[in-house]
Amino acid sequence: MTTDPSRQAPIDRPDYTPFTHLTVPNSDLYRLVMGTFLAAKERFAVHLRPEDVHAALPMGHRPVDVDSVAKALDSLVEWGNLRADPDTARVTAVEDFYRKRFIYQLTRAGEAAEEALAGYDEALGRRGALQAVALHDIVTQLRALLVIAAEEEPDAAKAHLVLSSLTGRFEALAENARAFMGSLQRTIDLHGVEVEAFLAYKDQLIRYLERFIQDLITLGGRIALLIGELEGQGRVTTLLELVAAREAADAAPDETESAEARAYVRWLARWAGLASWFVSGGDRESQARLLRGRALGAIPQLLAVVRQLNERRAGRSDRSADFRTLARWFAEAPDDAARHRLWRTAFGLHPARHLTVDADALAERAARPVPPSTPWAEAEPLRISPQLRRTGSYERRGKPRKVQDRSEDRRLLADIADQQTAEITAARGRLETHGVTRLSGLGELDPLAFGLFLQLLGDALATWRPGITSTIATSNDGSMEIRLSALADGTAAEVHTPGGVFRGPDHRIEITDLTRTDRTPGPRPPAQEDR
């Protein structure tokens, strides 16, 4: 006896019947029942009886009797989500043995289906976030990696731990940023967003974007410098090889080499993704720069949406609302003749001979009106101005204005720009400390240098977090770097300016002009110290 191969079931064919409960009536009840089994699994409960499931369902969605739950359980068994076994634990008589009693448990297919649905729900509801804390963590892990790379024989366990934490924080940052920007665009387009809720939290959203942009500017450049320093030392490949070898240590003996090669390729791709996210190369902009530009562009878009909503509320002209009103008028028109009149009135589609040319034509048409249905051949001619016929316009064009010579103005603007550049360069040179000094040792500053100093100090204090005593920040244009460390002696500092005296707690400070090519980098103090 032979079997037709075409009638045999395909091997390893995926079975999608555990998803049937999503497209049938009472799908909400089936989802709740499966959720009950997942919750029981978390409590290490394997089997459930119908009355157990009935008692675990929420009060608002619980059926009146247990039989409805039993029918739902039987359907889930038929679709492969659950498995039913005879319940012999409560049999006290022969009649009870022959009565239909079952206990139910999740099947592998049903559990896999619920995991897939949980992932779908999570991805659908994810709003994402712009994680400034993740940027600080990435800076900390990169500095730790620099310390490990500087050792003669780097510790593989430490390198593995730091790289795992680094890539984990980076992947979470990138994924959340993508999800947040997607939800932000849907918010700007007002897709699925309540207008009242949007107007209520718009200010918080804009402040949130501004705060993250500031952190991305100050920390993104620092991360790029740390990545460049690591790659400049040429130790990244060594660290990745150590980590790959450590991961492959648990592989089977005959697969150690291939597992190590695969792990190295995987870690190399992770490091390349991290570097390309923060460091631009060639004609390619980094993802951090693109994210910053997209976030900056979202702020005026949000303000434009707010302005449009306020205009609608104020009763100003809204073209979409006008067209909806016009469509309603067309729908309410009694007949086609009324619709034609409404069309001509709304869009101005009148015959050309009824156009007003001058006062005489107006008076003539008022005295002897001509119906719109009058053919051109039967209507009286319309007299127009010869100038209108010859030129198509009543306007009398005069002598064109002379082209003004702007060369002197351009030269003046160029001189002003050169003067401002020289002043800013001098201010940067005045602020550069050429090493670590105290804030009280800056001396007297002119207004331009003092303004630049306040911007640098503000960038440094923006990165200050509770529990740290030292920080490093870069100016928005990347031309200056400030390193600020708190002092424990409680002394005060005074900076004299022509406009007054700036007072505050004294700090150790180091300001570096990053635009200078002849500077020599000094030792880096730790960016954070525990109090």
Protein backbone atom coordinates (compact mmCIF):
# COMPACT_ATOMS: atom_id res chain seq x y z
CA MET A 1 0.00 0.00 0.00
CA THR A 2 1.45 3.38 -1.04
CA THR A 3 0.59 6.88 0.06
CA ASP A 4 0.15 9.78 -2.28
CA PRO A 5 2.87 12.35 -1.31
CA SER A 6 0.61 15.20 -2.35
CA ARG A 7 -1.87 14.22 0.38
CA GLN A 8 0.68 14.18 3.20
CA ALA A 9 0.86 17.17 5.56
CA PRO A 10 3.87 19.42 4.89
CA ILE A 11 6.71 19.02 7.36
CA ASP A 12 7.41 22.00 9.67
CA ARG A 13 4.49 23.90 8.23
CA PRO A 14 3.47 26.69 10.66
CA ASP A 15 0.02 26.30 12.13
CA TYR A 16 -1.81 29.59 12.62
CA THR A 17 -5.05 28.21 14.10
CA PRO A 18 -4.12 29.51 17.61
CA PHE A 19 -4.86 32.98 16.21
CA THR A 20 -8.41 32.01 15.19
CA HIS A 21 -9.87 33.33 18.44
CA LEU A 22 -9.03 36.89 17.30
CA THR A 23 -11.49 36.89 14.37
CA VAL A 24 -14.52 35.10 15.80
CA PRO A 25 -17.41 36.40 17.93
CA ASN A 26 -16.64 36.79 21.65
CA SER A 27 -12.97 37.41 20.85
CA ASP A 28 -12.72 39.65 23.93
CA LEU A 29 -13.72 36.73 26.16
CA TYR A 30 -11.14 34.46 24.51
CA ARG A 31 -8.38 37.04 25.05
CA LEU A 32 -9.34 37.37 28.72
CA VAL A 33 -9.35 33.60 29.18
CA MET A 34 -5.88 33.30 27.64
CA GLY A 35 -4.70 36.16 29.82
CA THR A 36 -5.93 34.22 32.86
CA PHE A 37 -3.76 31.24 31.89
CA LEU A 38 -0.73 33.49 31.39
CA ALA A 39 -1.26 35.05 34.82
CA ALA A 40 -1.57 31.56 36.34
CA LYS A 41 1.69 30.56 34.69
CA GLU A 42 3.42 33.48 36.44
CA ARG A 43 2.24 31.93 39.73
CA PHE A 44 3.60 28.52 38.60
CA ALA A 45 0.05 27.15 38.28
CA VAL A 46 -0.13 24.73 35.34
CA HIS A 47 -3.71 23.44 35.27
CA LEU A 48 -6.94 25.41 35.67
CA ARG A 49 -10.51 24.24 35.97
CA PRO A 50 -13.43 26.11 34.37
CA GLU A 51 -14.55 27.49 37.74
CA ASP A 52 -11.00 28.75 38.41
CA VAL A 53 -10.99 30.62 35.09
CA HIS A 54 -14.47 31.99 35.78
CA ALA A 55 -13.42 33.33 39.18
CA ALA A 56 -10.26 34.92 37.78
CA LEU A 57 -12.04 36.91 35.04
CA PRO A 58 -12.69 40.64 35.69
CA MET A 59 -16.08 41.43 37.19
CA GLY A 60 -17.18 43.59 34.27
CA HIS A 61 -16.40 40.88 31.70
CA ARG A 62 -17.25 37.73 33.67
CA PRO A 63 -20.06 35.57 32.17
CA VAL A 64 -23.05 34.78 34.31
CA ASP A 65 -22.43 31.02 34.49
CA VAL A 66 -19.45 28.69 34.29
CA ASP A 67 -20.86 26.91 31.23
CA SER A 68 -20.04 29.90 28.99
CA VAL A 69 -16.44 29.75 30.17
CA ALA A 70 -16.37 25.98 29.60
CA LYS A 71 -17.56 26.46 26.01
CA ALA A 72 -14.84 29.07 25.44
CA LEU A 73 -12.25 26.66 26.85
CA ASP A 74 -13.43 23.89 24.54
CA SER A 75 -13.17 26.19 21.53
CA LEU A 76 -9.63 27.18 22.51
CA VAL A 77 -8.77 23.49 22.81
CA GLU A 78 -10.12 22.92 19.30
CA TRP A 79 -7.93 25.76 17.91
CA GLY A 80 -4.82 24.46 19.66
CA ASN A 81 -4.41 27.20 22.29
CA LEU A 82 -5.17 24.90 25.23
CA ARG A 83 -4.96 21.24 26.08
CA ALA A 84 -7.71 19.43 27.98
CA ASP A 85 -7.00 16.49 30.30
CA PRO A 86 -9.55 14.45 32.26
CA ASP A 87 -10.04 15.77 35.77
CA THR A 88 -9.94 12.64 37.96
CA ALA A 89 -8.85 14.35 41.16
CA ARG A 90 -12.40 15.07 42.29
CA VAL A 91 -14.01 11.75 41.30
CA THR A 92 -15.82 10.24 44.28
CA ALA A 93 -18.21 7.94 42.44
CA VAL A 94 -18.51 6.01 39.19
CA GLU A 95 -21.04 8.53 37.89
CA ASP A 96 -18.50 11.34 38.41
CA PHE A 97 -15.92 9.41 36.40
CA TYR A 98 -18.16 9.27 33.33
CA ARG A 99 -19.23 12.91 33.68
CA LYS A 100 -17.39 15.43 31.50
CA ARG A 101 -14.75 17.01 33.73
CA PHE A 102 -11.53 18.50 32.35
CA ILE A 103 -8.59 20.55 33.50
CA TYR A 104 -6.89 22.86 31.02
CA GLN A 105 -3.36 24.09 30.42
CA LEU A 106 -1.55 26.17 27.83
CA THR A 107 -0.05 24.52 24.78
CA ARG A 108 3.26 25.61 23.23
CA ALA A 109 1.37 27.01 20.25
CA GLY A 110 -1.05 28.93 22.46
CA GLU A 111 1.75 30.36 24.56
CA ALA A 112 3.68 31.40 21.44
CA ALA A 113 0.57 33.08 20.06
CA GLU A 114 0.08 35.07 23.26
CA GLU A 115 3.72 36.16 23.27
CA ALA A 116 3.33 37.37 19.69
CA LEU A 117 0.16 39.28 20.59
CA ALA A 118 1.88 40.82 23.63
CA GLY A 119 4.73 42.00 21.39
CA TYR A 120 2.19 43.41 18.93
CA ASP A 121 0.33 45.29 21.67
CA GLU A 122 3.58 46.63 23.09
CA ALA A 123 4.82 47.86 19.70
CA LEU A 124 1.42 49.40 18.91
CA GLY A 125 1.25 51.26 22.21
CA ARG A 126 4.88 52.30 22.41
CA ARG A 127 5.26 56.08 22.41
CA GLY A 128 8.99 56.12 23.01
CA ALA A 129 10.99 58.76 24.82
CA LEU A 130 14.03 60.92 24.28
CA GLN A 131 16.33 59.58 27.01
CA ALA A 132 18.81 62.20 28.16
CA VAL A 133 19.82 59.87 31.01
CA ALA A 134 20.91 57.29 28.44
CA LEU A 135 23.30 59.86 26.97
CA HIS A 136 24.94 60.31 30.39
CA ASP A 137 25.19 56.53 30.78
CA ILE A 138 26.82 56.17 27.36
CA VAL A 139 29.41 58.81 28.32
CA THR A 140 30.15 56.96 31.56
CA GLN A 141 30.52 53.59 29.83
CA LEU A 142 32.79 55.02 27.12
CA ARG A 143 35.06 56.51 29.78
CA ALA A 144 35.18 53.16 31.56
CA LEU A 145 36.04 51.53 28.23
CA LEU A 146 38.89 54.02 27.79
CA VAL A 147 40.32 52.96 31.16
CA ILE A 148 40.09 49.27 30.22
CA ALA A 149 41.65 49.89 26.79
CA ALA A 150 44.60 51.69 28.39
CA GLU A 151 45.60 48.56 30.33
CA GLU A 152 48.43 46.41 28.95
CA GLU A 153 46.27 43.29 29.23
CA PRO A 154 42.60 44.33 29.23
CA ASP A 155 40.27 42.28 31.40
CA ALA A 156 37.87 40.40 29.09
CA ALA A 157 35.15 40.16 31.76
CA LYS A 158 35.21 43.90 32.47
CA ALA A 159 35.27 44.73 28.76
CA HIS A 160 32.33 42.39 28.12
CA LEU A 161 30.31 43.89 30.97
CA VAL A 162 30.98 47.49 29.89
CA LEU A 163 30.33 46.84 26.19
CA SER A 164 27.10 44.95 26.97
CA SER A 165 25.85 47.81 29.12
CA LEU A 166 26.97 50.36 26.52
CA THR A 167 25.26 48.70 23.57
CA GLY A 168 22.15 47.98 25.64
CA ARG A 169 21.73 51.64 26.59
CA PHE A 170 22.49 52.73 23.04
CA GLU A 171 19.95 50.35 21.47
CA ALA A 172 17.29 51.48 23.95
CA LEU A 173 18.11 55.12 23.19
CA ALA A 174 17.91 54.61 19.41
CA GLU A 175 14.70 52.55 19.54
CA ASN A 176 12.94 54.95 21.89
CA ALA A 177 14.04 57.94 19.80
CA ARG A 178 12.57 56.37 16.65
CA ALA A 179 9.31 55.55 18.42
CA PHE A 180 9.09 59.02 19.98
CA MET A 181 9.69 60.87 16.70
CA GLY A 182 7.06 58.71 15.01
CA SER A 183 4.50 59.48 17.73
CA LEU A 184 5.54 63.15 17.63
CA GLN A 185 4.82 63.33 13.90
CA ARG A 186 1.41 61.73 14.47
CA THR A 187 0.82 64.35 17.15
CA ILE A 188 1.76 67.16 14.75
CA ASP A 189 -0.60 65.71 12.13
CA LEU A 190 -3.29 65.35 14.85
CA HIS A 191 -3.83 61.69 13.95
CA GLY A 192 -5.61 59.97 16.81
CA VAL A 193 -4.92 62.93 19.11
CA GLU A 194 -7.58 64.83 21.02
CA VAL A 195 -7.30 68.55 20.33
CA GLU A 196 -7.99 69.50 23.94
CA ALA A 197 -5.34 67.07 25.21
CA PHE A 198 -2.84 68.39 22.68
CA LEU A 199 -3.39 72.00 23.72
CA ALA A 200 -3.10 71.00 27.38
CA TYR A 201 0.34 69.38 27.13
CA LYS A 202 1.93 71.29 24.22
CA ASP A 203 4.04 73.48 26.53
CA GLN A 204 5.40 70.45 28.40
CA LEU A 205 6.22 68.74 25.09
CA ILE A 206 8.10 71.78 23.76
CA ARG A 207 10.09 72.14 27.01
CA TYR A 208 10.83 68.42 26.88
CA LEU A 209 12.18 68.75 23.33
CA GLU A 210 14.27 71.81 24.20
CA ARG A 211 15.80 70.08 27.23
CA PHE A 212 16.71 66.97 25.23
CA ILE A 213 18.15 69.04 22.38
CA GLN A 214 20.39 70.87 24.85
CA ASP A 215 21.56 67.57 26.35
CA LEU A 216 22.13 66.11 22.89
CA ILE A 217 24.25 69.11 21.90
CA THR A 218 26.41 69.02 25.02
CA LEU A 219 26.70 65.24 25.39
CA GLY A 220 26.58 64.18 21.72
CA GLY A 221 29.81 66.04 20.95
CA ARG A 222 31.44 64.57 24.04
CA ILE A 223 30.42 61.04 22.99
CA ALA A 224 31.82 61.64 19.50
CA LEU A 225 35.14 62.76 21.01
CA LEU A 226 35.31 59.67 23.25
CA ILE A 227 34.57 57.35 20.31
CA GLY A 228 37.26 59.09 18.25
CA GLU A 229 39.73 58.74 21.13
CA LEU A 230 39.00 55.02 21.44
CA GLU A 231 39.35 54.40 17.73
CA GLY A 232 42.46 56.59 17.61
CA GLN A 233 44.18 54.29 20.10
CA GLY A 234 43.48 51.29 17.85
CA ARG A 235 42.29 49.17 20.79
CA VAL A 236 38.65 48.74 19.73
CA THR A 237 39.43 45.65 17.63
CA THR A 238 41.32 44.09 20.54
CA LEU A 239 38.45 44.67 22.94
CA LEU A 240 35.89 43.27 20.51
CA GLU A 241 38.03 40.16 19.95
CA LEU A 242 38.29 39.63 23.71
CA VAL A 243 34.53 39.97 24.15
CA ALA A 244 33.82 37.63 21.22
CA ALA A 245 36.20 34.99 22.61
CA ARG A 246 34.54 35.22 26.03
CA GLU A 247 31.08 34.76 24.52
CA ALA A 248 32.25 31.75 22.49
CA ALA A 249 33.74 30.04 25.56
CA ASP A 250 30.44 28.26 26.29
CA ALA A 251 30.01 26.97 22.72
CA ALA A 252 30.45 23.32 21.79
CA PRO A 253 34.10 22.28 21.24
CA ASP A 254 33.62 21.75 17.51
CA GLU A 255 31.90 25.15 17.11
CA THR A 256 34.21 27.39 19.16
CA GLU A 257 35.98 29.00 16.21
CA SER A 258 32.81 29.62 14.18
CA ALA A 259 30.97 30.90 17.27
CA GLU A 260 33.82 33.29 18.03
CA ALA A 261 33.83 34.57 14.44
CA ARG A 262 30.07 35.11 14.51
CA ALA A 263 30.29 36.89 17.86
CA TYR A 264 33.06 39.15 16.59
CA VAL A 265 31.04 40.12 13.49
CA ARG A 266 28.04 40.82 15.70
CA TRP A 267 30.03 43.04 18.11
CA LEU A 268 31.73 44.81 15.22
CA ALA A 269 28.31 45.67 13.76
CA ARG A 270 27.14 46.97 17.15
CA TRP A 271 30.18 49.21 17.53
CA ALA A 272 29.82 50.48 13.93
CA GLY A 273 26.17 51.32 14.65
CA LEU A 274 27.12 53.21 17.81
CA ALA A 275 29.86 55.16 16.02
CA SER A 276 27.70 56.06 13.02
CA TRP A 277 24.91 57.21 15.35
CA PHE A 278 27.10 59.89 16.95
CA VAL A 279 29.92 60.52 14.44
CA SER A 280 29.37 61.95 10.95
CA GLY A 281 31.51 60.61 8.13
CA GLY A 282 32.08 61.90 4.61
CA ASP A 283 28.79 63.04 3.11
CA ARG A 284 26.80 61.12 5.75
CA GLU A 285 25.34 62.93 8.73
CA SER A 286 25.21 61.15 12.06
CA GLN A 287 21.88 59.97 13.42
CA ALA A 288 22.33 62.25 16.44
CA ARG A 289 22.63 65.27 14.15
CA LEU A 290 19.59 64.16 12.15
CA LEU A 291 17.62 63.60 15.36
CA ARG A 292 18.61 67.05 16.63
CA GLY A 293 17.53 68.67 13.36
CA ARG A 294 14.26 66.75 13.36
CA ALA A 295 13.53 67.68 16.97
CA LEU A 296 14.39 71.34 16.29
CA GLY A 297 12.09 71.33 13.26
CA ALA A 298 9.27 69.79 15.29
CA ILE A 299 9.06 72.79 17.64
CA PRO A 300 7.94 75.34 14.98
CA GLN A 301 5.63 72.70 13.52
CA LEU A 302 3.99 72.26 16.91
CA LEU A 303 3.62 76.02 17.24
CA ALA A 304 2.09 76.19 13.75
CA VAL A 305 -0.46 73.52 14.73
CA VAL A 306 -1.32 75.51 17.86
CA ARG A 307 -1.73 78.67 15.79
CA GLN A 308 -4.05 76.90 13.35
CA LEU A 309 -6.16 75.49 16.17
CA ASN A 310 -6.41 78.92 17.80
CA GLU A 311 -7.45 80.47 14.48
CA ARG A 312 -10.19 77.90 14.13
CA ARG A 313 -11.38 78.63 17.64
CA ALA A 314 -11.33 82.37 16.97
CA GLY A 315 -13.65 81.89 14.01
CA ARG A 316 -11.17 82.96 11.34
CA SER A 317 -11.30 81.71 7.79
CA ASP A 318 -10.72 77.98 7.52
CA ARG A 319 -10.72 76.65 3.97
CA SER A 320 -11.50 73.05 4.97
CA ALA A 321 -14.44 74.20 7.11
CA ASP A 322 -15.68 76.43 4.25
CA PHE A 323 -15.63 73.54 1.80
CA ARG A 324 -17.48 71.30 4.26
CA THR A 325 -20.14 73.98 4.69
CA LEU A 326 -20.42 74.38 0.91
CA ALA A 327 -20.77 70.59 0.52
CA ARG A 328 -23.60 70.63 3.05
CA TRP A 329 -25.33 73.41 1.09
CA PHE A 330 -25.07 71.35 -2.09
CA ALA A 331 -26.58 68.34 -0.29
CA GLU A 332 -29.46 70.48 1.02
CA ALA A 333 -30.22 72.16 -2.35
CA PRO A 334 -33.79 71.34 -3.55
CA ASP A 335 -32.98 70.63 -7.22
CA ASP A 336 -30.25 70.73 -9.87
CA ALA A 337 -31.10 74.29 -10.91
CA ALA A 338 -30.41 75.50 -7.38
CA ARG A 339 -27.16 73.52 -7.33
CA HIS A 340 -26.07 75.15 -10.62
CA ARG A 341 -26.81 78.61 -9.21
CA LEU A 342 -24.89 77.78 -6.05
CA TRP A 343 -21.95 76.52 -8.15
CA ARG A 344 -21.82 79.73 -10.25
CA THR A 345 -22.13 81.90 -7.15
CA ALA A 346 -19.48 80.04 -5.13
CA PHE A 347 -16.86 79.77 -7.87
CA GLY A 348 -17.67 82.88 -9.95
CA LEU A 349 -18.31 80.98 -13.21
CA HIS A 350 -20.27 83.75 -14.95
CA PRO A 351 -20.30 84.50 -18.68
CA ALA A 352 -17.50 86.88 -19.70
CA ARG A 353 -19.88 89.46 -21.23
CA HIS A 354 -21.27 90.25 -17.80
CA LEU A 355 -17.90 91.36 -16.41
CA THR A 356 -17.83 94.95 -15.22
CA VAL A 357 -15.53 97.10 -17.32
CA ASP A 358 -16.43 100.67 -16.40
CA ALA A 359 -19.28 102.80 -15.04
CA ASP A 360 -20.96 103.13 -18.43
CA ALA A 361 -21.06 99.36 -18.90
CA LEU A 362 -22.54 98.99 -15.43
CA ALA A 363 -25.26 101.51 -16.16
CA GLU A 364 -26.07 99.88 -19.49
CA ARG A 365 -26.36 96.41 -17.99
CA ALA A 366 -28.53 97.75 -15.17
CA ALA A 367 -30.88 99.45 -17.64
CA ARG A 368 -31.01 96.53 -20.06
CA PRO A 369 -30.01 93.28 -18.34
CA VAL A 370 -29.06 90.36 -20.57
CA PRO A 371 -29.99 86.84 -19.41
CA PRO A 372 -27.04 84.43 -19.02
CA SER A 373 -28.67 82.08 -21.55
CA THR A 374 -28.41 84.64 -24.36
CA PRO A 375 -26.12 83.39 -27.17
CA TRP A 376 -23.08 85.48 -28.04
CA ALA A 377 -24.33 86.09 -31.58
CA GLU A 378 -27.60 87.62 -30.34
CA ALA A 379 -26.19 89.75 -27.52
CA GLU A 380 -25.11 93.35 -27.94
CA PRO A 381 -21.35 93.83 -28.19
CA LEU A 382 -19.42 94.94 -25.13
CA ARG A 383 -17.20 97.94 -25.69
CA ILE A 384 -13.85 97.88 -23.94
CA SER A 385 -10.92 100.26 -23.76
CA PRO A 386 -8.43 100.10 -26.69
CA GLN A 387 -5.62 100.01 -24.14
CA LEU A 388 -7.13 96.93 -22.51
CA ARG A 389 -7.43 95.23 -25.89
CA ARG A 390 -3.87 96.14 -26.90
CA THR A 391 -1.99 95.46 -23.64
CA GLY A 392 -4.41 93.36 -21.58
CA SER A 393 -4.09 95.78 -18.65
CA TYR A 394 -5.26 99.27 -17.62
CA GLU A 395 -2.02 99.90 -15.77
CA ARG A 396 0.17 102.64 -17.16
CA ARG A 397 3.76 101.56 -16.81
CA GLY A 398 6.28 104.27 -16.11
CA LYS A 399 10.02 104.41 -16.24
CA PRO A 400 11.66 101.49 -14.38
CA ARG A 401 13.55 102.25 -11.21
CA LYS A 402 17.31 102.39 -11.38
CA VAL A 403 19.30 99.45 -10.06
CA GLN A 404 20.97 100.50 -6.84
CA ASP A 405 24.64 99.80 -6.24
CA ARG A 406 24.88 97.69 -3.07
CA SER A 407 28.65 97.14 -3.13
CA GLU A 408 29.27 99.70 -0.37
CA ASP A 409 26.60 98.09 1.81
CA ARG A 410 28.10 94.64 1.23
CA ARG A 411 31.55 95.93 2.11
CA LEU A 412 30.19 97.49 5.30
CA LEU A 413 28.49 94.21 6.28
CA ALA A 414 31.72 92.30 5.58
CA ASP A 415 33.67 94.72 7.79
CA ILE A 416 31.13 94.30 10.58
CA ALA A 417 31.33 90.49 10.27
CA ASP A 418 35.15 90.58 10.37
CA GLN A 419 35.07 92.86 13.41
CA GLN A 420 32.62 90.59 15.22
CA THR A 421 34.76 87.53 14.39
CA ALA A 422 37.86 89.27 15.73
CA GLU A 423 36.04 90.29 18.91
CA ILE A 424 34.74 86.76 19.50
CA THR A 425 38.21 85.31 18.87
CA ALA A 426 39.69 87.78 21.34
CA ALA A 427 36.98 86.91 23.88
CA ARG A 428 37.74 83.20 23.52
CA GLY A 429 41.44 83.94 23.98
CA ARG A 430 40.66 86.02 27.08
CA LEU A 431 38.61 83.19 28.62
CA GLU A 432 41.06 80.38 27.87
CA THR A 433 42.71 79.46 31.18
CA HIS A 434 45.61 77.33 29.83
CA GLY A 435 45.10 74.88 32.67
CA VAL A 436 43.03 74.46 35.81
CA THR A 437 42.38 77.61 37.82
CA ARG A 438 39.79 78.98 40.21
CA LEU A 439 36.71 80.88 39.17
CA SER A 440 37.88 83.74 41.36
CA GLY A 441 41.08 83.93 39.31
CA LEU A 442 39.41 84.96 36.05
CA GLY A 443 39.85 88.64 36.90
CA GLU A 444 37.89 91.42 35.17
CA LEU A 445 36.02 90.56 31.96
CA ASP A 446 34.74 92.86 29.24
CA PRO A 447 31.03 92.60 28.27
CA LEU A 448 31.63 90.29 25.26
CA ALA A 449 33.92 87.93 27.16
CA PHE A 450 31.54 87.95 30.13
CA GLY A 451 28.57 87.08 27.90
CA LEU A 452 30.51 84.17 26.37
CA PHE A 453 31.52 83.06 29.88
CA LEU A 454 27.88 83.03 31.02
CA GLN A 455 26.92 80.87 28.05
CA LEU A 456 29.69 78.39 28.86
CA LEU A 457 28.76 78.36 32.54
CA GLY A 458 25.12 77.78 31.63
CA ASP A 459 26.05 74.84 29.39
CA ALA A 460 28.09 73.31 32.22
CA LEU A 461 25.38 73.80 34.85
CA ALA A 462 22.80 72.30 32.46
CA THR A 463 24.66 68.99 32.68
CA TRP A 464 24.97 69.18 36.48
CA ARG A 465 23.07 66.42 38.25
CA PRO A 466 22.55 65.67 41.95
CA GLY A 467 25.44 63.73 43.45
CA ILE A 468 28.20 64.92 41.11
CA THR A 469 30.88 67.51 41.79
CA SER A 470 32.57 67.78 38.38
CA THR A 471 31.33 68.10 34.82
CA ILE A 472 32.49 68.87 31.29
CA ALA A 473 30.45 70.74 28.65
CA THR A 474 30.97 72.03 25.12
CA SER A 475 29.51 75.23 23.68
CA ASN A 476 26.71 74.98 21.13
CA ASP A 477 29.05 75.78 18.21
CA GLY A 478 31.70 73.34 19.46
CA SER A 479 34.38 76.04 19.78
CA MET A 480 34.84 76.07 23.57
CA GLU A 481 35.04 73.44 26.29
CA ILE A 482 34.57 74.09 30.01
CA ARG A 483 35.46 71.77 32.90
CA LEU A 484 33.88 72.71 36.18
CA SER A 485 34.59 71.15 39.59
CA ALA A 486 33.04 72.13 42.90
CA LEU A 487 35.21 73.07 45.91
CA ALA A 488 34.60 71.84 49.42
CA ASP A 489 36.09 74.87 51.20
CA GLY A 490 32.97 77.01 50.79
CA THR A 491 34.81 80.03 49.37
CA ALA A 492 33.09 82.61 47.16
CA ALA A 493 34.23 83.98 43.80
CA GLU A 494 33.81 87.44 42.26
CA VAL A 495 34.08 88.26 38.56
CA HIS A 496 34.25 92.00 37.89
CA THR A 497 32.66 93.48 34.77
CA PRO A 498 31.96 97.09 33.67
CA GLY A 499 28.31 96.47 34.52
CA GLY A 500 28.84 95.10 38.02
CA VAL A 501 30.20 92.18 40.02
CA PHE A 502 29.22 88.55 39.41
CA ARG A 503 29.30 86.57 42.69
CA GLY A 504 28.85 82.90 43.45
CA PRO A 505 30.46 79.81 45.00
CA ASP A 506 34.06 79.32 43.92
CA HIS A 507 34.87 76.39 41.61
CA ARG A 508 37.86 74.90 39.88
CA ILE A 509 37.52 75.78 36.22
CA GLU A 510 39.34 75.07 32.98
CA ILE A 511 38.27 76.70 29.70
CA THR A 512 39.78 75.48 26.43
CA ASP A 513 39.53 77.03 22.96
CA LEU A 514 38.86 74.04 20.71
CA THR A 515 39.43 76.07 17.53
CA ARG A 516 43.15 76.44 18.21
CA THR A 517 45.34 73.97 16.36
CA ASP A 518 48.46 74.59 18.46
CA ARG A 519 46.98 73.64 21.82
CA THR A 520 48.20 70.59 23.71
CA PRO A 521 45.57 68.52 25.53
CA GLY A 522 45.98 68.40 29.27
CA PRO A 523 45.01 65.62 31.64
CA ARG A 524 41.28 64.94 31.88
CA PRO A 525 39.84 65.24 35.37
CA PRO A 526 37.05 62.80 36.26
CA ALA A 527 33.68 64.03 35.04
CA GLN A 528 31.81 62.80 38.09
CA GLU A 529 32.75 62.45 41.73
CA ASP A 530 30.61 61.12 44.54
CA ARG A 531 30.00 63.59 47.24
